[in-house]
Amino acid sequence: MKKNTNQFPENFLWGGAVAANQCEGAYLEDGKGLCIADINLFKGDLPLKKRSNKEVRMEEVLHAIEDTDGYYPKRTGID
């Protein structure tokens, strides 16, 4: 007997999830501390194998805090 793969099982439960920073955002607001996600610059053209969250120098952190041209997706919540 062939299974019908066009339907979900009768007791199938839907679910969803979000990360805290997707909801909160609030980069440097209301006493929120700085975290690595806040200084993680999005580089869409960077090959996946070269993407990482390695150690960063303080000068890189300070640059990221002041950077208004780069895209830092974790700084903005879904409000």
C-alpha atoms as a PDB file:
ATOM      1  CA  MET A   1       0.000   0.000   0.000  1.00  0.00           C
ATOM      2  CA  LYS A   2       1.460   3.370  -1.049  1.00  0.00           C
ATOM      3  CA  LYS A   3       1.455   6.205   1.518  1.00  0.00           C
ATOM      4  CA  ASN A   4      -0.194   9.487   0.581  1.00  0.00           C
ATOM      5  CA  THR A   5       2.660  11.990   0.778  1.00  0.00           C
ATOM      6  CA  ASN A   6       0.392  14.961  -0.030  1.00  0.00           C
ATOM      7  CA  GLN A   7      -1.092  15.112   3.471  1.00  0.00           C
ATOM      8  CA  PHE A   8       0.188  15.556   6.981  1.00  0.00           C
ATOM      9  CA  PRO A   9      -0.592  12.790   9.457  1.00  0.00           C
ATOM     10  CA  GLU A  10      -3.858  13.171  11.368  1.00  0.00           C
ATOM     11  CA  ASN A  11      -2.128  14.070  14.663  1.00  0.00           C
ATOM     12  CA  PHE A  12       0.526  16.325  13.112  1.00  0.00           C
ATOM     13  CA  LEU A  13       1.398  19.323  15.323  1.00  0.00           C
ATOM     14  CA  TRP A  14       2.694  22.573  13.859  1.00  0.00           C
ATOM     15  CA  GLY A  15       5.355  24.492  15.727  1.00  0.00           C
ATOM     16  CA  GLY A  16       7.541  27.529  15.431  1.00  0.00           C
ATOM     17  CA  ALA A  17      10.527  29.131  17.059  1.00  0.00           C
ATOM     18  CA  VAL A  18      12.435  32.394  17.224  1.00  0.00           C
ATOM     19  CA  ALA A  19      15.742  33.372  18.764  1.00  0.00           C
ATOM     20  CA  ALA A  20      15.750  35.878  21.615  1.00  0.00           C
ATOM     21  CA  ASN A  21      17.588  38.491  19.555  1.00  0.00           C
ATOM     22  CA  GLN A  22      14.942  38.244  16.807  1.00  0.00           C
ATOM     23  CA  CYS A  23      12.343  39.386  19.315  1.00  0.00           C
ATOM     24  CA  GLU A  24      14.413  41.760  21.393  1.00  0.00           C
ATOM     25  CA  GLY A  25      16.822  43.579  19.117  1.00  0.00           C
ATOM     26  CA  ALA A  26      17.305  46.732  21.203  1.00  0.00           C
ATOM     27  CA  TYR A  27      20.956  47.162  20.308  1.00  0.00           C
ATOM     28  CA  LEU A  28      22.521  49.256  23.108  1.00  0.00           C
ATOM     29  CA  GLU A  29      19.123  50.324  24.497  1.00  0.00           C
ATOM     30  CA  ASP A  30      17.582  50.144  27.967  1.00  0.00           C
ATOM     31  CA  GLY A  31      20.703  48.710  29.585  1.00  0.00           C
ATOM     32  CA  LYS A  32      21.097  45.751  27.218  1.00  0.00           C
ATOM     33  CA  GLY A  33      24.688  44.628  27.169  1.00  0.00           C
ATOM     34  CA  LEU A  34      26.718  44.200  24.008  1.00  0.00           C
ATOM     35  CA  CYS A  35      26.986  40.634  22.705  1.00  0.00           C
ATOM     36  CA  ILE A  36      28.864  38.975  19.843  1.00  0.00           C
ATOM     37  CA  ALA A  37      25.697  38.923  17.696  1.00  0.00           C
ATOM     38  CA  ASP A  38      25.562  42.736  17.864  1.00  0.00           C
ATOM     39  CA  ILE A  39      28.966  43.084  16.189  1.00  0.00           C
ATOM     40  CA  ASN A  40      28.523  40.267  13.657  1.00  0.00           C
ATOM     41  CA  LEU A  41      28.571  42.018  10.275  1.00  0.00           C
ATOM     42  CA  PHE A  42      26.534  40.233   7.589  1.00  0.00           C
ATOM     43  CA  LYS A  43      28.689  39.343   4.603  1.00  0.00           C
ATOM     44  CA  GLY A  44      26.376  37.588   2.147  1.00  0.00           C
ATOM     45  CA  ASP A  45      29.075  37.133  -0.476  1.00  0.00           C
ATOM     46  CA  LEU A  46      31.447  35.341   1.914  1.00  0.00           C
ATOM     47  CA  PRO A  47      31.641  31.569   1.195  1.00  0.00           C
ATOM     48  CA  LEU A  48      30.012  29.454   3.930  1.00  0.00           C
ATOM     49  CA  LYS A  49      33.314  27.730   4.797  1.00  0.00           C
ATOM     50  CA  LYS A  50      34.903  31.108   5.617  1.00  0.00           C
ATOM     51  CA  ARG A  51      32.088  32.302   7.911  1.00  0.00           C
ATOM     52  CA  SER A  52      32.772  32.017  11.631  1.00  0.00           C
ATOM     53  CA  ASN A  53      32.676  33.797  14.971  1.00  0.00           C
ATOM     54  CA  LYS A  54      36.375  33.707  15.766  1.00  0.00           C
ATOM     55  CA  GLU A  55      38.049  35.925  18.316  1.00  0.00           C
ATOM     56  CA  VAL A  56      38.022  39.606  17.452  1.00  0.00           C
ATOM     57  CA  ARG A  57      40.304  42.438  18.462  1.00  0.00           C
ATOM     58  CA  MET A  58      38.976  45.362  20.478  1.00  0.00           C
ATOM     59  CA  GLU A  59      39.523  47.701  17.529  1.00  0.00           C
ATOM     60  CA  GLU A  60      37.154  45.503  15.463  1.00  0.00           C
ATOM     61  CA  VAL A  61      34.536  45.671  18.210  1.00  0.00           C
ATOM     62  CA  LEU A  62      34.817  49.459  18.440  1.00  0.00           C
ATOM     63  CA  HIS A  63      34.566  49.762  14.655  1.00  0.00           C
ATOM     64  CA  ALA A  64      31.428  47.581  14.604  1.00  0.00           C
ATOM     65  CA  ILE A  65      29.784  49.698  17.318  1.00  0.00           C
ATOM     66  CA  GLU A  66      30.351  52.884  15.323  1.00  0.00           C
ATOM     67  CA  ASP A  67      29.594  51.355  11.890  1.00  0.00           C
ATOM     68  CA  THR A  68      26.395  52.755  10.389  1.00  0.00           C
ATOM     69  CA  ASP A  69      26.975  51.480   6.826  1.00  0.00           C
ATOM     70  CA  GLY A  70      27.275  47.740   7.456  1.00  0.00           C
ATOM     71  CA  TYR A  71      24.324  45.387   7.980  1.00  0.00           C
ATOM     72  CA  TYR A  72      24.174  43.826  11.429  1.00  0.00           C
ATOM     73  CA  PRO A  73      20.928  41.807  11.332  1.00  0.00           C
ATOM     74  CA  LYS A  74      20.837  40.895  15.023  1.00  0.00           C
ATOM     75  CA  ARG A  75      20.637  44.516  16.126  1.00  0.00           C
ATOM     76  CA  THR A  76      17.018  44.897  15.088  1.00  0.00           C
ATOM     77  CA  GLY A  77      14.159  42.992  16.702  1.00  0.00           C
ATOM     78  CA  ILE A  78      10.806  42.116  15.196  1.00  0.00           C
ATOM     79  CA  ASP A  79       8.943  44.619  17.379  1.00  0.00           C
END
